[in-house]
Protein backbone atom coordinates (compact mmCIF):
# COMPACT_ATOMS: atom_id res chain seq x y z
CA UNK A 1 241.11 178.67 35.64
CA UNK A 2 241.48 179.72 32.03
CA UNK A 3 245.20 181.04 33.17
CA UNK A 4 245.90 177.45 34.07
CA UNK A 5 244.52 175.65 31.39
CA UNK A 6 246.78 178.21 29.27
CA UNK A 7 250.40 177.55 31.17
CA UNK A 8 249.15 173.70 30.37
CA UNK A 9 249.23 173.60 26.89
CA UNK A 10 252.38 176.00 26.66
CA UNK A 11 254.10 173.38 28.89
CA UNK A 12 253.03 170.52 26.68
CA UNK A 13 254.00 172.36 23.66
CA UNK A 14 257.48 173.02 25.13
CA UNK A 15 258.40 169.54 25.86
CA UNK A 16 257.39 168.25 22.21
CA UNK A 17 259.30 170.66 20.74
CA UNK A 18 262.32 169.70 23.26
CA UNK A 19 261.71 166.24 22.82
CA UNK A 20 262.18 166.25 18.91
CA UNK A 21 265.16 168.69 19.09
CA UNK A 22 266.66 165.93 21.90
CA UNK A 23 266.16 162.98 19.36
CA UNK A 24 263.61 161.13 21.43
CA UNK A 25 260.83 161.60 18.16
CA UNK A 26 261.96 160.55 14.92
CA UNK A 27 261.55 162.99 11.80
CA UNK A 28 258.61 162.10 9.34
CA UNK A 29 260.59 160.74 5.83
CA UNK A 30 258.89 159.16 2.85
CA UNK A 31 258.65 155.63 2.41
CA UNK A 32 259.02 154.11 -0.93
CA UNK A 33 255.29 152.13 -1.89
CA UNK A 34 257.61 149.97 -4.20
CA UNK A 35 256.58 148.75 -7.40
CA UNK A 36 253.30 148.85 -8.68
CA UNK A 37 253.13 145.09 -9.94
CA UNK A 38 249.27 144.52 -10.41
CA UNK A 39 246.43 145.81 -11.92
CA UNK A 40 243.58 147.15 -10.52
CA UNK A 41 240.92 144.45 -8.88
CA UNK A 42 237.53 144.99 -9.66
CA UNK A 43 234.48 143.51 -7.72
CA UNK A 44 231.09 144.11 -8.55
CA UNK A 45 228.81 143.59 -5.69
CA UNK A 46 225.42 144.34 -7.50
CA UNK A 47 223.54 143.46 -9.76
CA UNK A 48 224.49 139.85 -9.90
CA UNK A 49 225.77 138.73 -13.71
CA UNK A 50 222.40 137.86 -15.12
CA UNK A 51 220.32 139.75 -13.11
CA UNK A 52 216.54 140.73 -14.15
CA UNK A 53 215.26 144.24 -13.17
CA UNK A 54 211.41 143.34 -12.72
CA UNK A 55 209.34 146.71 -12.41
CA UNK A 56 206.13 147.82 -14.05
CA UNK A 57 207.67 151.10 -14.63
CA UNK A 58 208.45 152.01 -18.15
CA UNK A 59 211.61 153.63 -17.19
CA UNK A 60 213.34 152.06 -13.66
CA UNK A 61 216.43 152.95 -11.37
CA UNK A 62 218.97 150.43 -10.05
CA UNK A 63 221.75 151.04 -7.57
CA UNK A 64 225.31 149.40 -8.74
CA UNK A 65 227.23 148.47 -5.81
CA UNK A 66 230.89 147.84 -6.65
CA UNK A 67 234.26 148.23 -4.92
CA UNK A 68 238.28 148.82 -6.95
CA UNK A 69 241.43 147.89 -4.87
CA UNK A 70 245.44 148.19 -6.20
CA UNK A 71 248.49 147.48 -4.40
CA UNK A 72 249.75 150.67 -5.20
CA UNK A 73 247.27 153.70 -5.94
CA UNK A 74 244.05 153.95 -8.06
CA UNK A 75 243.90 157.02 -10.48
CA UNK A 76 240.24 156.78 -12.30
CA UNK A 77 237.49 154.42 -12.32
CA UNK A 78 234.73 154.94 -14.57
CA UNK A 79 230.95 153.30 -15.05
CA UNK A 80 229.66 152.37 -18.37
CA UNK A 81 226.37 151.40 -19.42
CA UNK A 82 226.05 149.67 -22.72
CA UNK A 83 229.35 151.04 -23.82
CA UNK A 84 228.11 154.82 -22.46
CA UNK A 85 229.97 156.57 -19.28
CA UNK A 86 227.58 157.26 -16.79
CA UNK A 87 229.86 158.65 -14.28
CA UNK A 88 233.48 158.61 -13.52
CA UNK A 89 235.88 159.21 -10.62
CA UNK A 90 239.30 160.23 -9.58
CA UNK A 91 239.58 161.60 -6.21
CA UNK A 92 239.63 159.15 -3.54
CA UNK A 93 239.87 159.27 -0.09
CA UNK A 94 241.92 155.61 0.44
CA UNK A 95 243.66 155.71 -2.50
CA UNK A 96 244.36 151.99 -2.39
CA UNK A 97 240.65 150.50 -1.50
CA UNK A 98 237.39 151.85 -3.29
CA UNK A 99 233.70 151.29 -2.28
CA UNK A 100 231.00 153.13 -3.97
CA UNK A 101 227.21 153.08 -5.02
CA UNK A 102 225.76 154.54 -7.73
CA UNK A 103 222.04 155.01 -8.38
CA UNK A 104 220.94 154.82 -11.99
CA UNK A 105 217.39 156.21 -13.13
CA UNK A 106 217.04 155.64 -16.64
CA UNK A 107 217.25 151.92 -17.22
CA UNK A 108 215.06 150.96 -19.99
CA UNK A 109 213.23 147.28 -21.11
CA UNK A 110 215.79 145.02 -22.23
CA UNK A 111 219.41 143.62 -22.20
CA UNK A 112 222.15 145.76 -20.51
CA UNK A 113 225.80 145.50 -19.84
CA UNK A 114 227.13 147.23 -16.58
CA UNK A 115 231.03 148.01 -16.80
CA UNK A 116 233.52 149.27 -14.29
CA UNK A 117 236.68 150.10 -15.44
CA UNK A 118 239.48 150.77 -13.09
CA UNK A 119 243.18 152.21 -13.69
CA UNK A 120 246.30 152.66 -11.43
CA UNK A 121 249.07 155.23 -11.85
CA UNK A 122 250.85 153.12 -14.27
CA UNK A 123 247.69 153.04 -16.75
CA UNK A 124 246.99 149.37 -15.71
CA UNK A 125 243.30 148.51 -16.65
CA UNK A 126 240.90 146.09 -15.23
CA UNK A 127 237.43 146.24 -16.70
CA UNK A 128 234.71 143.73 -15.32
CA UNK A 129 231.07 143.35 -17.20
CA UNK A 130 228.03 142.30 -15.67
CA UNK A 131 225.23 141.41 -17.88
CA UNK A 132 221.76 141.99 -16.72
CA UNK A 133 218.05 143.04 -17.71
CA UNK A 134 215.22 144.93 -17.45
CA UNK A 135 211.82 142.89 -18.05
CA UNK A 136 209.13 144.30 -19.60
CA UNK A 137 206.32 146.35 -17.39
CA UNK A 138 204.22 143.03 -16.68
CA UNK A 139 200.85 142.35 -18.58
CA UNK A 140 198.39 139.55 -17.20
CA UNK A 141 198.59 137.07 -19.44
CA UNK A 142 194.87 135.91 -19.11
CA UNK A 143 191.37 137.42 -17.80
CA UNK A 144 191.23 137.61 -14.12
CA UNK A 145 194.65 136.89 -13.05
CA UNK A 146 195.48 139.07 -9.96
CA UNK A 147 198.07 136.87 -8.90
CA UNK A 148 201.45 136.03 -10.48
CA UNK A 149 204.87 133.50 -9.38
CA UNK A 150 207.02 132.62 -11.75
CA UNK A 151 209.80 132.46 -9.23
CA UNK A 152 212.16 133.28 -10.95
CA UNK A 153 215.15 134.09 -8.60
CA UNK A 154 212.69 135.75 -6.22
CA UNK A 155 209.72 135.14 -4.33
CA UNK A 156 207.88 138.27 -6.29
CA UNK A 157 204.15 138.81 -7.25
CA UNK A 158 204.28 140.22 -10.61
CA UNK A 159 201.07 142.13 -10.83
CA UNK A 160 201.89 144.55 -7.52
CA UNK A 161 205.86 143.48 -7.55
CA UNK A 162 205.19 142.96 -3.95
CA UNK A 163 207.96 140.28 -2.24
CA UNK A 164 206.38 137.63 -0.17
CA UNK A 165 207.45 137.52 3.40
CA UNK A 166 209.94 134.26 3.44
CA UNK A 167 209.65 132.08 6.88
CA UNK A 168 212.65 129.53 7.27
CA UNK A 169 215.02 128.83 4.24
CA UNK A 170 212.61 127.85 1.26
CA UNK A 171 214.78 127.92 -2.09
CA UNK A 172 215.04 127.56 -5.87
CA UNK A 173 215.26 124.53 -8.51
CA UNK A 174 215.03 124.05 -11.90
CA UNK A 175 211.44 125.54 -13.55
CA UNK A 176 209.20 123.62 -15.80
CA UNK A 177 210.14 126.26 -18.58
CA UNK A 178 213.47 126.49 -17.81
CA UNK A 179 214.65 129.51 -15.20
CA UNK A 180 214.37 128.62 -11.66
CA UNK A 181 210.98 127.17 -9.59
CA UNK A 182 210.03 127.51 -5.77
CA UNK A 183 212.32 124.57 -3.93
CA UNK A 184 210.25 123.63 -0.18
CA UNK A 185 211.90 122.84 2.66
CA UNK A 186 211.19 122.32 6.44
CA UNK A 187 209.83 124.85 8.27
CA UNK A 188 209.91 127.04 4.95
CA UNK A 189 206.67 128.89 3.47
CA UNK A 190 205.83 132.13 1.69
CA UNK A 191 202.79 134.24 2.75
CA UNK A 192 201.22 137.42 1.16
CA UNK A 193 198.56 139.89 2.72
CA UNK A 194 195.18 138.67 1.54
CA UNK A 195 194.67 142.20 -0.01
CA UNK A 196 196.72 140.78 -2.86
CA UNK A 197 193.61 138.95 -3.67
CA UNK A 198 191.69 141.85 -4.24
CA UNK A 199 188.51 140.59 -2.04
CA UNK A 200 187.24 138.35 -4.95
CA UNK A 201 184.19 136.57 -4.39
CA UNK A 202 184.94 133.96 -6.87
CA UNK A 203 188.68 132.60 -7.20
CA UNK A 204 190.94 130.12 -8.86
CA UNK A 205 194.13 128.58 -8.79
CA UNK A 206 196.55 126.90 -11.27
CA UNK A 207 200.04 126.08 -10.68
CA UNK A 208 202.74 123.02 -11.49
CA UNK A 209 204.50 120.94 -8.29
CA UNK A 210 207.16 118.17 -8.36
CA UNK A 211 205.37 116.31 -5.49
CA UNK A 212 207.81 114.91 -2.82
CA UNK A 213 206.76 113.44 0.00
CA UNK A 214 209.34 113.66 2.66
CA UNK A 215 206.84 115.22 4.66
CA UNK A 216 203.98 113.00 4.25
CA UNK A 217 200.86 115.68 4.68
CA UNK A 218 201.39 119.45 3.54
CA UNK A 219 199.55 122.66 2.76
CA UNK A 220 199.72 124.03 -0.27
CA UNK A 221 197.34 126.99 -0.48
CA UNK A 222 195.90 128.13 2.46
CA UNK A 223 193.71 130.99 3.68
CA UNK A 224 192.43 130.58 6.93
CA UNK A 225 191.51 132.98 9.89
CA UNK A 226 193.42 132.58 13.26
CA UNK A 227 192.09 130.35 15.90
CA UNK A 228 192.86 129.01 19.43
CA UNK A 229 192.86 125.48 17.92
CA UNK A 230 194.62 126.36 14.07
CA UNK A 231 191.41 124.41 12.20
CA UNK A 232 189.29 126.92 11.68
CA UNK A 233 187.72 125.88 8.58
CA UNK A 234 184.60 128.01 8.35
CA UNK A 235 186.03 130.86 6.27
CA UNK A 236 188.64 130.73 3.51
CA UNK A 237 189.93 127.28 1.86
CA UNK A 238 192.66 125.09 2.24
CA UNK A 239 194.50 123.25 -0.78
CA UNK A 240 196.47 120.41 0.72
CA UNK A 241 197.94 117.03 0.13
CA UNK A 242 197.82 113.66 2.39
CA UNK A 243 199.71 110.21 2.08
CA UNK A 244 197.08 107.53 0.78
CA UNK A 245 199.42 104.64 0.96
CA UNK A 246 202.20 104.92 -1.83
CA UNK A 247 200.57 107.99 -3.36
CA UNK A 248 199.76 111.48 -2.11
CA UNK A 249 196.08 112.46 -2.42
CA UNK A 250 195.14 116.50 -3.12
CA UNK A 251 191.91 118.05 -1.47
CA UNK A 252 190.08 121.16 -1.22
CA UNK A 253 187.71 122.55 1.89
CA UNK A 254 186.24 125.95 1.43
CA UNK A 255 184.25 127.59 4.09
CA UNK A 256 180.76 129.95 3.84
CA UNK A 257 181.22 131.93 6.74
CA UNK A 258 179.40 128.86 8.97
CA UNK A 259 180.61 125.48 7.62
CA UNK A 260 183.04 124.09 5.30
CA UNK A 261 182.42 121.76 2.15
CA UNK A 262 185.26 118.86 1.69
CA UNK A 263 186.01 118.58 -2.33
CA UNK A 264 187.80 115.24 -1.71
CA UNK A 265 188.36 112.85 -5.21
CA UNK A 266 189.18 109.81 -3.80
CA UNK A 267 191.63 107.81 -5.84
CA UNK A 268 191.04 110.16 -8.77
CA UNK A 269 192.85 112.81 -6.96
CA UNK A 270 196.12 110.75 -5.99
CA UNK A 271 199.72 111.47 -7.32
CA UNK A 272 202.49 109.40 -7.15
CA UNK A 273 205.01 111.19 -5.71
CA UNK A 274 209.21 111.54 -6.34
CA UNK A 275 208.70 110.58 -9.90
CA UNK A 276 210.49 114.12 -11.19
CA UNK A 277 207.87 115.06 -13.24
CA UNK A 278 205.80 118.06 -13.56
CA UNK A 279 202.11 117.73 -12.40
CA UNK A 280 199.49 120.29 -13.01
CA UNK A 281 196.90 121.46 -10.07
CA UNK A 282 193.94 123.84 -10.41
CA UNK A 283 191.04 124.62 -8.57
CA UNK A 284 188.02 126.83 -9.17
CA UNK A 285 185.38 128.16 -6.24
CA UNK A 286 182.68 130.12 -7.58
CA UNK A 287 179.00 130.98 -5.83
CA UNK A 288 177.50 127.80 -6.56
CA UNK A 289 180.65 125.11 -7.14
CA UNK A 290 183.82 123.92 -5.99
CA UNK A 291 186.18 121.82 -9.10
CA UNK A 292 189.36 119.82 -8.24
CA UNK A 293 191.33 119.75 -11.32
CA UNK A 294 195.18 117.43 -11.89
CA UNK A 295 196.45 117.55 -15.15
CA UNK A 296 193.58 119.35 -16.59
CA UNK A 297 191.19 117.19 -15.75
CA UNK A 298 188.02 117.10 -13.47
CA UNK A 299 188.66 114.65 -10.22
CA UNK A 300 185.95 116.21 -8.02
CA UNK A 301 183.21 118.63 -8.10
CA UNK A 302 180.60 119.41 -5.76
CA UNK A 303 178.28 122.14 -4.52
CA UNK A 304 179.15 124.92 -2.46
CA UNK A 305 177.31 128.40 -1.95
CA UNK A 306 179.98 130.91 -1.85
CA UNK A 307 183.51 131.42 0.24
CA UNK A 308 183.51 133.98 3.27
CA UNK A 309 186.82 135.80 4.21
CA UNK A 310 186.02 137.04 7.35
CA UNK A 311 188.99 137.69 9.96
CA UNK A 312 191.48 135.99 6.61
CA UNK A 313 194.21 138.47 6.97
CA UNK A 314 197.19 136.44 4.70
CA UNK A 315 197.77 133.92 2.02
CA UNK A 316 200.38 130.89 2.57
CA UNK A 317 202.13 129.39 0.02
CA UNK A 318 203.56 125.68 -0.19
CA UNK A 319 202.68 125.36 4.10
CA UNK A 320 199.11 125.19 6.23
CA UNK A 321 201.56 127.51 8.82
CA UNK A 322 200.97 129.80 10.38
CA UNK A 323 197.24 128.95 10.76
CA UNK A 324 195.99 126.14 9.68
CA UNK A 325 198.31 123.42 11.37
CA UNK A 326 195.83 121.76 13.72
CA UNK A 327 196.18 118.22 11.69
CA UNK A 328 200.22 118.73 10.69
CA UNK A 329 199.41 120.45 7.20
CA UNK A 330 202.78 121.86 7.48
CA UNK A 331 205.40 122.89 4.97
CA UNK A 332 206.17 120.78 1.57
CA UNK A 333 209.19 120.17 0.09
CA UNK A 334 208.13 119.77 -3.23
CA UNK A 335 208.94 121.84 -5.73
CA UNK A 336 206.30 124.68 -7.27
CA UNK A 337 206.29 126.54 -10.01
CA UNK A 338 203.73 128.86 -12.58
CA UNK A 339 201.47 130.00 -9.72
CA UNK A 340 198.68 131.81 -10.82
CA UNK A 341 195.58 132.71 -8.87
CA UNK A 342 192.15 134.59 -10.34
CA UNK A 343 189.37 136.57 -9.32
CA UNK A 344 187.16 134.42 -11.26
CA UNK A 345 186.12 130.59 -11.49
CA UNK A 346 187.96 129.23 -14.32
CA UNK A 347 186.77 126.65 -16.97
CA UNK A 348 188.09 123.39 -17.63
CA UNK A 349 189.12 124.83 -21.36
CA UNK A 350 190.95 127.85 -19.86
CA UNK A 351 192.71 125.82 -17.42
CA UNK A 352 194.15 123.38 -20.83
CA UNK A 353 195.20 126.42 -22.39
CA UNK A 354 197.04 127.90 -19.31
CA UNK A 355 198.39 124.15 -19.17
CA UNK A 356 199.70 123.63 -22.47
CA UNK A 357 200.76 127.55 -23.23
CA UNK A 358 203.10 126.94 -19.90
CA UNK A 359 204.76 123.86 -21.13
CA UNK A 360 206.14 125.92 -24.06
CA UNK A 361 209.64 125.76 -24.55
CA UNK A 362 210.19 129.31 -26.53
CA UNK A 363 207.80 132.00 -27.10
CA UNK A 364 207.53 135.37 -28.79
CA UNK A 365 204.62 137.86 -28.70
CA UNK A 366 206.27 140.50 -30.83
CA UNK A 367 205.09 143.29 -28.55
CA UNK A 368 207.65 145.88 -29.57
CA UNK A 369 210.38 143.65 -28.71
CA UNK A 370 212.32 140.60 -30.16
CA UNK A 371 212.71 138.77 -27.21
CA UNK A 372 211.85 134.82 -26.03
CA UNK A 373 209.50 135.73 -23.12
CA UNK A 374 210.79 132.28 -21.70
CA UNK A 375 214.41 132.25 -21.72
CA UNK A 376 214.67 135.75 -21.76
CA UNK A 377 217.22 135.68 -25.09
CA UNK A 378 217.04 138.34 -27.72
CA UNK A 379 216.96 137.27 -31.51
CA UNK A 380 219.65 138.61 -33.50
CA UNK A 381 217.84 140.93 -36.46
CA UNK A 382 219.05 141.09 -39.87
CA UNK A 383 218.01 143.59 -41.74
CA UNK A 384 214.81 145.68 -41.06
CA UNK A 385 212.14 144.25 -40.04
CA UNK A 386 209.30 146.29 -38.03
CA UNK A 387 206.08 146.19 -35.86
CA UNK A 388 202.51 146.35 -37.09
CA UNK A 389 201.65 148.12 -33.62
CA UNK A 390 198.37 146.92 -32.18
CA UNK A 391 196.83 144.78 -35.27
CA UNK A 392 198.27 141.45 -34.03
CA UNK A 393 196.47 138.48 -33.21
CA UNK A 394 197.24 140.26 -29.51
CA UNK A 395 198.90 143.65 -29.49
CA UNK A 396 201.97 143.95 -31.67
CA UNK A 397 203.18 141.50 -34.51
CA UNK A 398 206.63 141.13 -36.76
CA UNK A 399 206.64 142.71 -40.07
CA UNK A 400 208.74 141.05 -42.16
CA UNK A 401 210.81 142.99 -45.00
CA UNK A 402 213.31 142.49 -47.90
CA UNK A 403 216.48 140.48 -46.57
CA UNK A 404 215.42 140.72 -42.66
CA UNK A 405 214.81 138.20 -40.53
CA UNK A 406 215.55 136.96 -36.76
CA UNK A 407 217.67 134.35 -35.52
CA UNK A 408 218.33 132.68 -32.25
CA UNK A 409 221.66 130.83 -31.48
CA UNK A 410 220.54 126.87 -30.18
CA UNK A 411 223.04 127.61 -27.20
CA UNK A 412 220.83 130.41 -25.78
CA UNK A 413 217.42 128.45 -26.41
CA UNK A 414 215.93 125.13 -25.05
CA UNK A 415 213.94 123.80 -28.30
CA UNK A 416 215.76 120.72 -29.61
CA UNK A 417 214.71 117.55 -28.36
CA UNK A 418 213.45 114.27 -29.60
CA UNK A 419 209.91 115.40 -30.46
CA UNK A 420 209.48 119.10 -31.64
CA UNK A 421 206.36 121.17 -32.40
CA UNK A 422 205.55 124.93 -33.57
CA UNK A 423 202.38 126.80 -33.32
CA UNK A 424 202.19 130.42 -34.96
CA UNK A 425 199.71 132.95 -37.11
CA UNK A 426 200.41 134.52 -39.95
CA UNK A 427 199.42 136.92 -42.07
CA UNK A 428 200.51 136.41 -45.52
CA UNK A 429 202.11 138.65 -48.42
CA UNK A 430 202.83 136.78 -51.42
CA UNK A 431 205.68 138.87 -51.95
CA UNK A 432 208.11 137.62 -52.49
CA UNK A 433 206.17 134.06 -54.36
CA UNK A 434 208.24 131.79 -52.12
CA UNK A 435 210.22 132.25 -48.70
CA UNK A 436 211.50 130.59 -45.67
CA UNK A 437 209.24 130.42 -42.23
CA UNK A 438 210.80 128.46 -39.76
CA UNK A 439 214.45 126.88 -40.50
CA UNK A 440 216.71 125.19 -38.36
CA UNK A 441 219.17 123.24 -40.15
CA UNK A 442 222.86 122.74 -40.66
CA UNK A 443 225.11 124.25 -42.70
CA UNK A 444 225.97 122.91 -46.00
CA UNK A 445 229.91 123.51 -46.13
CA UNK A 446 229.63 122.14 -49.75
CA UNK A 447 227.30 124.97 -51.20
CA UNK A 448 227.88 128.41 -49.18
CA UNK A 449 225.99 130.24 -51.30
CA UNK A 450 223.31 127.78 -51.85
CA UNK A 451 222.64 125.99 -48.68
CA UNK A 452 220.16 123.04 -48.71
CA UNK A 453 221.63 120.63 -46.26
CA UNK A 454 218.30 118.66 -45.75
CA UNK A 455 219.64 115.52 -43.42
CA UNK A 456 218.79 117.23 -40.19
CA UNK A 457 216.65 119.69 -38.35
CA UNK A 458 213.60 120.83 -40.36
CA UNK A 459 212.12 123.67 -42.54
CA UNK A 460 209.10 124.80 -42.80
CA UNK A 461 207.87 127.00 -45.87
CA UNK A 462 205.90 128.36 -48.50
CA UNK A 463 205.79 128.45 -52.08
CA UNK A 464 203.53 129.73 -54.97
CA UNK A 465 200.76 127.60 -56.00
CA UNK A 466 198.99 129.37 -59.19
CA UNK A 467 197.33 132.16 -56.89
CA UNK A 468 197.47 130.82 -53.89
CA UNK A 469 200.62 129.88 -51.29
CA UNK A 470 201.38 126.36 -50.67
CA UNK A 471 202.80 125.41 -47.17
CA UNK A 472 205.48 122.52 -46.57
CA UNK A 473 207.35 121.09 -43.95
CA UNK A 474 210.71 119.40 -44.56
CA UNK A 475 212.67 117.55 -41.56
CA UNK A 476 215.93 115.44 -41.74
CA UNK A 477 216.73 112.27 -39.60
CA UNK A 478 220.55 112.40 -39.87
CA UNK A 479 220.35 110.39 -43.05
CA UNK A 480 217.89 111.44 -45.10
CA UNK A 481 215.07 114.29 -45.21
CA UNK A 482 211.28 113.62 -45.91
CA UNK A 483 208.40 116.13 -46.99
CA UNK A 484 204.96 116.56 -45.64
CA UNK A 485 203.53 118.16 -48.24
CA UNK A 486 199.43 118.63 -48.42
CA UNK A 487 199.24 119.47 -52.07
CA UNK A 488 196.26 121.45 -52.58
CA UNK A 489 194.78 121.21 -49.00
CA UNK A 490 197.80 123.17 -47.89
CA UNK A 491 197.13 125.88 -50.11
CA UNK A 492 196.34 129.42 -48.45
CA UNK A 493 195.05 132.53 -50.40
CA UNK A 494 197.25 135.47 -49.89
CA UNK A 495 195.06 138.28 -50.65
CA UNK A 496 192.47 137.80 -47.86
CA UNK A 497 194.54 140.16 -45.36
CA UNK A 498 193.32 137.73 -42.65
CA UNK A 499 195.41 136.00 -39.68
CA UNK A 500 195.81 132.13 -40.53
CA UNK A 501 197.13 129.88 -38.13
CA UNK A 502 199.69 127.54 -38.46
CA UNK A 503 200.86 124.58 -36.85
CA UNK A 504 203.40 121.26 -37.33
CA UNK A 505 204.04 118.51 -34.79
CA UNK A 506 207.11 116.06 -35.19
CA UNK A 507 207.55 112.86 -33.28
CA UNK A 508 209.73 109.87 -33.49
CA UNK A 509 207.36 108.53 -35.81
CA UNK A 510 205.45 110.69 -37.75
CA UNK A 511 205.04 114.55 -38.46
CA UNK A 512 201.84 116.24 -39.05
CA UNK A 513 200.58 119.84 -40.60
CA UNK A 514 197.66 121.85 -39.49
CA UNK A 515 196.47 125.01 -41.25
CA UNK A 516 193.48 126.56 -39.06
CA UNK A 517 193.27 123.61 -36.74
CA UNK A 518 192.77 120.82 -39.96
CA UNK A 519 194.96 118.31 -40.45
CA UNK A 520 196.37 118.85 -43.92
CA UNK A 521 199.53 116.41 -43.82
CA UNK A 522 200.59 113.14 -42.32
CA UNK A 523 203.09 111.08 -42.83
CA UNK A 524 205.78 108.47 -41.30
CA UNK A 525 208.66 109.80 -39.86
CA UNK A 526 211.44 108.13 -37.89
CA UNK A 527 212.74 111.23 -35.67
CA UNK A 528 214.50 114.44 -36.14
CA UNK A 529 218.32 114.58 -36.04
CA UNK A 530 219.85 118.22 -34.88
CA UNK A 531 223.28 117.68 -35.57
CA UNK A 532 225.20 120.87 -36.78
CA UNK A 533 221.49 122.59 -36.09
CA UNK A 534 222.87 125.63 -34.36
CA UNK A 535 220.93 128.66 -35.80
CA UNK A 536 216.69 128.71 -35.64
CA UNK A 537 215.71 131.30 -38.07
CA UNK A 538 212.71 133.02 -38.02
CA UNK A 539 210.64 134.54 -41.29
CA UNK A 540 213.44 133.24 -43.43
CA UNK A 541 215.25 130.46 -44.85
CA UNK A 542 218.49 132.24 -44.36
CA UNK A 543 221.07 131.61 -43.88
CA UNK A 544 220.57 128.03 -43.61
CA UNK A 545 218.08 127.19 -46.44
CA UNK A 546 218.23 129.41 -49.31
CA UNK A 547 219.12 127.22 -52.38
CA UNK A 548 216.12 127.38 -53.68
CA UNK A 549 215.29 130.78 -53.06
CA UNK A 550 213.63 130.82 -49.94
CA UNK A 551 214.77 134.04 -47.94
CA UNK A 552 212.86 136.32 -46.23
CA UNK A 553 208.90 136.71 -45.95
CA UNK A 554 207.68 140.24 -45.43
CA UNK A 555 204.46 138.19 -44.37
CA UNK A 556 203.39 139.44 -40.88
CA UNK A 557 203.98 136.70 -37.64
CA UNK A 558 203.01 136.74 -34.15
CA UNK A 559 202.13 134.69 -31.24
CA UNK A 560 205.14 131.79 -31.95
CA UNK A 561 205.03 129.00 -29.88
CA UNK A 562 207.84 126.13 -29.62
CA UNK A 563 207.09 122.95 -27.83
CA UNK A 564 209.74 120.00 -27.22
CA UNK A 565 206.89 117.76 -27.37
CA UNK A 566 204.77 116.68 -30.67
CA UNK A 567 201.21 118.80 -29.95
CA UNK A 568 198.03 116.69 -30.09
CA UNK A 569 195.29 118.10 -32.56
CA UNK A 570 193.20 119.03 -29.62
CA UNK A 571 196.21 120.97 -28.51
CA UNK A 572 196.55 122.62 -31.62
CA UNK A 573 192.95 123.31 -30.96
CA UNK A 574 193.12 124.98 -28.06
CA UNK A 575 196.68 127.17 -29.23
CA UNK A 576 194.32 128.57 -32.22
CA UNK A 577 191.14 129.54 -30.57
CA UNK A 578 193.60 131.07 -28.11
CA UNK A 579 194.21 133.88 -30.34
CA UNK A 580 190.70 134.06 -32.10
């Protein structure tokens, strides 16, 4: 048998050789590939532009996915991170197409630029840059917070970093603070295992909704055990809405293990749908009562002897499905944002604090970075400011230095509207004896070395007044400026070493200045104009308000909030109390 096989191989070999000799098979000849007419094409599949890597690890991993194509031949490909090469390639199985993934394990918190550089044999080069960021490790903002979903392009819970199980086709829409929010759709919702709530004996939830009544009733937050009729209300809880005439009525139902209790505020719990406005909802369940809040106001409060979680396996978000559909409380086509769940019964003051802070359009905590936590934009740092670690009002604090300050382009942050307010803390250093603190004004083209155009924007600053420091606000309406100078009422002793709360509010009719929650100046104002105001300066008047020597401030700053609304005295009291 072996001899037979050998003879067959020999015969085939002779056949091929003879065929070549007789011209039946053409000789292999080189084919000219033509001119190399174009540079390589580079495609970055991951990360997408603007991607935010969310992890609670200080140093994270990311897998870059990219593809390079050339019409003739690729010579080399290099990956760079923030300008530094991290890997290169020069050996390709397919010299025209190169598809690759590369895992990088040293991603630090902050903004990054991934560059993919490809060069062909003619030296033609293509570079594609992708901006992405790694968010800082998430630290719960509030006591008792066990669950938080910001819905920023992911259905991820931030305390555990778990992704929701997504059913159907939920999507995204514009969020309350910029960014994105959850957008509901038919037959669509999210679920998490109930273990993510940590077996809380008390529970509260806080979130925002743009109410859409295309489904005339819907589940919103539901934890219910499975049952034959999909309507077991003896355990868990159900927060939902139903049509009430042209309104939508919001209700809470909770079970103690044997029976359920209703928290129905009737007309007080009605919300007009389809206005395009965000409404805030919250509820709390303790061992003694249940309370429902809409826009911070109590709409229903009643006795309750404690929630029971027996057989409750999952939490459903924006639907009664899968376990509570017996009365057709299915998916909700509304938008939802900033969902937080707590293992405690929130007070009304705590709900007011959460609501207010989630309406901010700009927030810097100065915890080791100069980032606006809402937009993700990083400040441009001038000079050498620093941090005082751990001794701020909350965590770290900004420490000023000579010729040092921060700026943001107003293209990167959302801080300009018909109304404007600011809230922050300062620990005052009277050296120098005058300084700018917050400034957003136009360029003074006639005085480039002594900028002092006050016809638009605002300037909040301090000046020596004897042994005290006096705080003042100036604002422009487009043609002229107005002064809000509280005289001695606005004086602060700079030698105490204490943190002092500062705030001001500008509406279309007036402006007010507050120090430690006390109004020190109020005056009429016809409305702020933002013409030419393209830079926000923090802790200096420079570069747009230094004509009178209001340069950098060597004081400390913490917990800076900006709002596109005129804060009330009560809201300023809330923000101050949050830092005490």
